[in-house]
Amino acid sequence: MRDKGRLVIGTIPADSSFGRAYVKKSAGGHPIYSHARFYAISEIIRLAEAANFELRDGCSILFWGPGGRPSGPLRAVSAIIAQAGFVGLLFEAR
């Protein structure tokens, strides 16, 4: 990796309503989700920091549960919200 190289991770947080639903499907032997691993945002940050990356930014979207519908236009929030259905994280190599 180059000096100051960047790493972008898009994730369904394990502790979000989507994450809990997919973990349940995974445990039930779902053909796709049974191969996936879901992590809490704090775990992802800890693993990235252990690999010598520093968190620089984050963005969250999907603020309703599985099967739900948005109450208005989709909007991303420039913050890390572990309960969101999808979170993007930007890291930079130290």
C-alpha atoms as a PDB file:
ATOM      1  CA  MET A   1       0.000   0.000   0.000  1.00  0.00           C
ATOM      2  CA  ARG A   2       1.192   3.502  -0.760  1.00  0.00           C
ATOM      3  CA  ASP A   3       1.964   5.990   1.986  1.00  0.00           C
ATOM      4  CA  LYS A   4      -1.325   7.560   3.050  1.00  0.00           C
ATOM      5  CA  GLY A   5      -3.183   4.938   0.984  1.00  0.00           C
ATOM      6  CA  ARG A   6      -6.909   4.751   1.585  1.00  0.00           C
ATOM      7  CA  LEU A   7      -9.222   1.904   2.438  1.00  0.00           C
ATOM      8  CA  VAL A   8     -12.995   2.149   2.000  1.00  0.00           C
ATOM      9  CA  ILE A   9     -15.247  -0.359   3.736  1.00  0.00           C
ATOM     10  CA  GLY A  10     -18.980  -0.590   3.149  1.00  0.00           C
ATOM     11  CA  THR A  11     -20.767  -2.728   5.712  1.00  0.00           C
ATOM     12  CA  ILE A  12     -24.075  -3.856   7.118  1.00  0.00           C
ATOM     13  CA  PRO A  13     -23.401  -3.443  10.853  1.00  0.00           C
ATOM     14  CA  ALA A  14     -24.041  -6.601  12.892  1.00  0.00           C
ATOM     15  CA  ASP A  15     -25.878  -4.612  15.553  1.00  0.00           C
ATOM     16  CA  SER A  16     -28.278  -2.900  13.120  1.00  0.00           C
ATOM     17  CA  SER A  17     -31.762  -4.254  12.389  1.00  0.00           C
ATOM     18  CA  PHE A  18     -30.565  -5.378   8.943  1.00  0.00           C
ATOM     19  CA  GLY A  19     -27.478  -7.018  10.451  1.00  0.00           C
ATOM     20  CA  ARG A  20     -29.501  -8.921  13.059  1.00  0.00           C
ATOM     21  CA  ALA A  21     -31.926 -10.121  10.372  1.00  0.00           C
ATOM     22  CA  TYR A  22     -29.099 -11.328   8.125  1.00  0.00           C
ATOM     23  CA  VAL A  23     -27.261 -13.025  11.008  1.00  0.00           C
ATOM     24  CA  LYS A  24     -30.483 -14.903  11.765  1.00  0.00           C
ATOM     25  CA  LYS A  25     -30.768 -15.951   8.105  1.00  0.00           C
ATOM     26  CA  SER A  26     -27.115 -16.995   8.178  1.00  0.00           C
ATOM     27  CA  ALA A  27     -27.685 -19.217  11.222  1.00  0.00           C
ATOM     28  CA  GLY A  28     -30.634 -20.774   9.384  1.00  0.00           C
ATOM     29  CA  GLY A  29     -28.369 -21.890   6.533  1.00  0.00           C
ATOM     30  CA  HIS A  30     -29.329 -19.237   3.955  1.00  0.00           C
ATOM     31  CA  PRO A  31     -27.363 -19.990   0.746  1.00  0.00           C
ATOM     32  CA  ILE A  32     -25.803 -16.505   0.618  1.00  0.00           C
ATOM     33  CA  TYR A  33     -25.866 -15.096   4.150  1.00  0.00           C
ATOM     34  CA  SER A  34     -24.467 -18.305   5.659  1.00  0.00           C
ATOM     35  CA  HIS A  35     -21.141 -17.394   3.991  1.00  0.00           C
ATOM     36  CA  ALA A  36     -21.152 -13.790   5.200  1.00  0.00           C
ATOM     37  CA  ARG A  37     -19.636 -12.379   8.378  1.00  0.00           C
ATOM     38  CA  PHE A  38     -21.142  -9.355  10.036  1.00  0.00           C
ATOM     39  CA  TYR A  39     -19.172  -7.129  12.384  1.00  0.00           C
ATOM     40  CA  ALA A  40     -20.072  -4.300  14.719  1.00  0.00           C
ATOM     41  CA  ILE A  41     -18.687  -0.929  13.618  1.00  0.00           C
ATOM     42  CA  SER A  42     -16.429  -0.867  16.694  1.00  0.00           C
ATOM     43  CA  GLU A  43     -14.923  -4.234  15.647  1.00  0.00           C
ATOM     44  CA  ILE A  44     -14.204  -3.001  12.119  1.00  0.00           C
ATOM     45  CA  ILE A  45     -12.507   0.127  13.431  1.00  0.00           C
ATOM     46  CA  ARG A  46     -10.436  -1.921  15.885  1.00  0.00           C
ATOM     47  CA  LEU A  47      -9.339  -4.354  13.132  1.00  0.00           C
ATOM     48  CA  ALA A  48      -8.430  -1.512  10.754  1.00  0.00           C
ATOM     49  CA  GLU A  49      -6.450   0.285  13.460  1.00  0.00           C
ATOM     50  CA  ALA A  50      -4.607  -2.960  14.249  1.00  0.00           C
ATOM     51  CA  ALA A  51      -3.669  -3.084  10.539  1.00  0.00           C
ATOM     52  CA  ASN A  52      -2.239   0.443  10.843  1.00  0.00           C
ATOM     53  CA  PHE A  53      -5.168   2.399   9.403  1.00  0.00           C
ATOM     54  CA  GLU A  54      -6.757   5.479  10.916  1.00  0.00           C
ATOM     55  CA  LEU A  55     -10.464   6.279  10.590  1.00  0.00           C
ATOM     56  CA  ARG A  56     -10.954   9.498   8.598  1.00  0.00           C
ATOM     57  CA  ASP A  57     -14.660   9.675   7.795  1.00  0.00           C
ATOM     58  CA  GLY A  58     -17.933   7.792   7.755  1.00  0.00           C
ATOM     59  CA  CYS A  59     -21.381   7.935   6.231  1.00  0.00           C
ATOM     60  CA  SER A  60     -24.618   6.118   7.133  1.00  0.00           C
ATOM     61  CA  ILE A  61     -27.854   5.319   5.295  1.00  0.00           C
ATOM     62  CA  LEU A  62     -30.939   3.050   5.586  1.00  0.00           C
ATOM     63  CA  PHE A  63     -32.661   4.173   8.761  1.00  0.00           C
ATOM     64  CA  TRP A  64     -35.545   1.699   8.700  1.00  0.00           C
ATOM     65  CA  GLY A  65     -35.732  -2.027   9.305  1.00  0.00           C
ATOM     66  CA  PRO A  66     -35.860  -4.914   6.843  1.00  0.00           C
ATOM     67  CA  GLY A  67     -39.203  -4.960   5.085  1.00  0.00           C
ATOM     68  CA  GLY A  68     -39.725  -1.301   5.969  1.00  0.00           C
ATOM     69  CA  ARG A  69     -39.845   1.609   3.635  1.00  0.00           C
ATOM     70  CA  PRO A  70     -38.247   5.032   3.837  1.00  0.00           C
ATOM     71  CA  SER A  71     -40.566   7.768   5.023  1.00  0.00           C
ATOM     72  CA  GLY A  72     -39.129  10.195   2.481  1.00  0.00           C
ATOM     73  CA  PRO A  73     -36.264  10.520   0.032  1.00  0.00           C
ATOM     74  CA  LEU A  74     -33.163   8.466   0.765  1.00  0.00           C
ATOM     75  CA  ARG A  75     -30.566  10.501   2.563  1.00  0.00           C
ATOM     76  CA  ALA A  76     -27.096   9.662   3.722  1.00  0.00           C
ATOM     77  CA  VAL A  77     -25.833  11.165   6.964  1.00  0.00           C
ATOM     78  CA  SER A  78     -22.190  12.215   7.282  1.00  0.00           C
ATOM     79  CA  ALA A  79     -21.753  10.347  10.557  1.00  0.00           C
ATOM     80  CA  ILE A  80     -21.124   6.809  11.736  1.00  0.00           C
ATOM     81  CA  ILE A  81     -24.434   5.486  13.065  1.00  0.00           C
ATOM     82  CA  ALA A  82     -24.144   1.819  14.083  1.00  0.00           C
ATOM     83  CA  GLN A  83     -27.924   1.310  13.928  1.00  0.00           C
ATOM     84  CA  ALA A  84     -28.069   2.339  10.248  1.00  0.00           C
ATOM     85  CA  GLY A  85     -28.619  -0.459   7.754  1.00  0.00           C
ATOM     86  CA  PHE A  86     -25.459   0.443   5.821  1.00  0.00           C
ATOM     87  CA  VAL A  87     -22.327   2.340   6.859  1.00  0.00           C
ATOM     88  CA  GLY A  88     -19.380   3.456   4.752  1.00  0.00           C
ATOM     89  CA  LEU A  89     -16.021   3.976   6.464  1.00  0.00           C
ATOM     90  CA  LEU A  90     -12.950   5.736   5.080  1.00  0.00           C
ATOM     91  CA  PHE A  91      -9.563   4.843   6.536  1.00  0.00           C
ATOM     92  CA  GLU A  92      -6.100   6.129   5.713  1.00  0.00           C
ATOM     93  CA  ALA A  93      -2.855   4.217   6.150  1.00  0.00           C
ATOM     94  CA  ARG A  94      -0.638   5.640   8.876  1.00  0.00           C
END
